[in-house]
Amino acid sequence: MFKVYWTEGTTPRDEAFGSDKMREALQLCEALRQRRGAGEKISFITMCSENLPGNTTLEGVAEPSPDYDWKKRRV
């Protein structure tokens, strides 16, 4: 999945795209940048992705093992 985030004026916006729609997501980013270049108040244009079907790790925060002994190293 891809997601494009941007701000129009002071309003945050976003649009989601399927995992097979990277081209469309990039085209939206380019269109937003062109609109900004033409003088529209658009900022913070960014795109991110998440590969849930291919994710091989646990989601969230895992509990450390009982023998884990974390100590802050001091200089």
C-alpha atoms as a PDB file:
ATOM      1  CA  MET A   1       0.000   0.000   0.000  1.00  0.00           C
ATOM      2  CA  PHE A   2       1.140   3.529  -0.764  1.00  0.00           C
ATOM      3  CA  LYS A   3      -0.103   6.706   0.841  1.00  0.00           C
ATOM      4  CA  VAL A   4       0.452  10.305  -0.227  1.00  0.00           C
ATOM      5  CA  TYR A   5       0.196  13.049   2.398  1.00  0.00           C
ATOM      6  CA  TRP A   6       0.138  16.792   1.786  1.00  0.00           C
ATOM      7  CA  THR A   7      -1.206  20.035   3.234  1.00  0.00           C
ATOM      8  CA  GLU A   8      -3.412  22.489   1.350  1.00  0.00           C
ATOM      9  CA  GLY A   9      -3.276  25.778   3.212  1.00  0.00           C
ATOM     10  CA  THR A  10      -3.681  24.525   6.773  1.00  0.00           C
ATOM     11  CA  THR A  11      -5.752  21.441   5.903  1.00  0.00           C
ATOM     12  CA  PRO A  12      -3.948  18.074   6.014  1.00  0.00           C
ATOM     13  CA  ARG A  13      -4.896  15.733   3.171  1.00  0.00           C
ATOM     14  CA  ASP A  14      -4.098  12.152   2.174  1.00  0.00           C
ATOM     15  CA  GLU A  15      -4.871   9.615  -0.501  1.00  0.00           C
ATOM     16  CA  ALA A  16      -4.319   5.851  -0.401  1.00  0.00           C
ATOM     17  CA  PHE A  17      -3.215   3.644  -3.297  1.00  0.00           C
ATOM     18  CA  GLY A  18      -3.038  -0.128  -3.610  1.00  0.00           C
ATOM     19  CA  SER A  19       0.267  -1.986  -3.638  1.00  0.00           C
ATOM     20  CA  ASP A  20       0.162  -2.150  -7.442  1.00  0.00           C
ATOM     21  CA  LYS A  21      -0.448   1.607  -7.853  1.00  0.00           C
ATOM     22  CA  MET A  22       2.972   3.127  -7.201  1.00  0.00           C
ATOM     23  CA  ARG A  23       2.953   4.928 -10.545  1.00  0.00           C
ATOM     24  CA  GLU A  24      -0.354   6.630  -9.725  1.00  0.00           C
ATOM     25  CA  ALA A  25       0.907   7.671  -6.284  1.00  0.00           C
ATOM     26  CA  LEU A  26       4.039   9.203  -7.813  1.00  0.00           C
ATOM     27  CA  GLN A  27       1.927  10.964 -10.448  1.00  0.00           C
ATOM     28  CA  LEU A  28      -0.178  12.542  -7.691  1.00  0.00           C
ATOM     29  CA  CYS A  29       3.009  13.739  -5.947  1.00  0.00           C
ATOM     30  CA  GLU A  30       4.224  15.298  -9.192  1.00  0.00           C
ATOM     31  CA  ALA A  31       0.835  16.956  -9.846  1.00  0.00           C
ATOM     32  CA  LEU A  32       0.845  18.409  -6.324  1.00  0.00           C
ATOM     33  CA  ARG A  33       4.390  19.738  -6.816  1.00  0.00           C
ATOM     34  CA  GLN A  34       3.369  21.341 -10.096  1.00  0.00           C
ATOM     35  CA  ARG A  35       0.371  22.985  -8.420  1.00  0.00           C
ATOM     36  CA  ARG A  36       2.678  24.280  -5.692  1.00  0.00           C
ATOM     37  CA  GLY A  37       5.016  25.616  -8.356  1.00  0.00           C
ATOM     38  CA  ALA A  38       2.073  27.418  -9.939  1.00  0.00           C
ATOM     39  CA  GLY A  39       1.465  29.275  -6.680  1.00  0.00           C
ATOM     40  CA  GLU A  40      -1.073  27.176  -4.795  1.00  0.00           C
ATOM     41  CA  LYS A  41      -0.560  26.901  -1.035  1.00  0.00           C
ATOM     42  CA  ILE A  42       0.452  23.242  -0.983  1.00  0.00           C
ATOM     43  CA  SER A  43       3.220  21.968   1.280  1.00  0.00           C
ATOM     44  CA  PHE A  44       4.595  18.863   3.033  1.00  0.00           C
ATOM     45  CA  ILE A  45       4.129  16.560   0.048  1.00  0.00           C
ATOM     46  CA  THR A  46       5.336  13.096   0.975  1.00  0.00           C
ATOM     47  CA  MET A  47       4.702   9.471   0.098  1.00  0.00           C
ATOM     48  CA  CYS A  48       5.190   6.360   2.194  1.00  0.00           C
ATOM     49  CA  SER A  49       4.641   2.646   1.711  1.00  0.00           C
ATOM     50  CA  GLU A  50       3.748  -0.366   3.815  1.00  0.00           C
ATOM     51  CA  ASN A  51       4.211  -3.933   2.662  1.00  0.00           C
ATOM     52  CA  LEU A  52       1.766  -5.809   4.892  1.00  0.00           C
ATOM     53  CA  PRO A  53       1.475  -8.998   2.809  1.00  0.00           C
ATOM     54  CA  GLY A  54       5.265  -9.304   2.704  1.00  0.00           C
ATOM     55  CA  ASN A  55       5.837  -8.342   6.334  1.00  0.00           C
ATOM     56  CA  THR A  56       7.828 -11.044   8.142  1.00  0.00           C
ATOM     57  CA  THR A  57       8.042  -9.424  11.587  1.00  0.00           C
ATOM     58  CA  LEU A  58       5.620  -9.086  14.454  1.00  0.00           C
ATOM     59  CA  GLU A  59       3.526  -5.938  14.528  1.00  0.00           C
ATOM     60  CA  GLY A  60       3.692  -3.662  17.545  1.00  0.00           C
ATOM     61  CA  VAL A  61       6.076  -3.817  20.454  1.00  0.00           C
ATOM     62  CA  ALA A  62       7.229  -7.217  21.722  1.00  0.00           C
ATOM     63  CA  GLU A  63       8.033  -8.024  25.331  1.00  0.00           C
ATOM     64  CA  PRO A  64      11.761  -8.525  25.946  1.00  0.00           C
ATOM     65  CA  SER A  65      12.952 -11.934  27.045  1.00  0.00           C
ATOM     66  CA  PRO A  66      13.089 -12.471  30.851  1.00  0.00           C
ATOM     67  CA  ASP A  67      16.905 -12.511  30.861  1.00  0.00           C
ATOM     68  CA  TYR A  68      17.214  -9.156  29.045  1.00  0.00           C
ATOM     69  CA  ASP A  69      19.143  -6.709  31.236  1.00  0.00           C
ATOM     70  CA  TRP A  70      19.121  -3.237  29.700  1.00  0.00           C
ATOM     71  CA  LYS A  71      21.454  -0.630  31.150  1.00  0.00           C
ATOM     72  CA  LYS A  72      22.034   2.895  29.965  1.00  0.00           C
ATOM     73  CA  ARG A  73      25.687   3.261  29.086  1.00  0.00           C
ATOM     74  CA  ARG A  74      27.258   6.290  30.683  1.00  0.00           C
ATOM     75  CA  VAL A  75      30.324   7.968  29.296  1.00  0.00           C
END
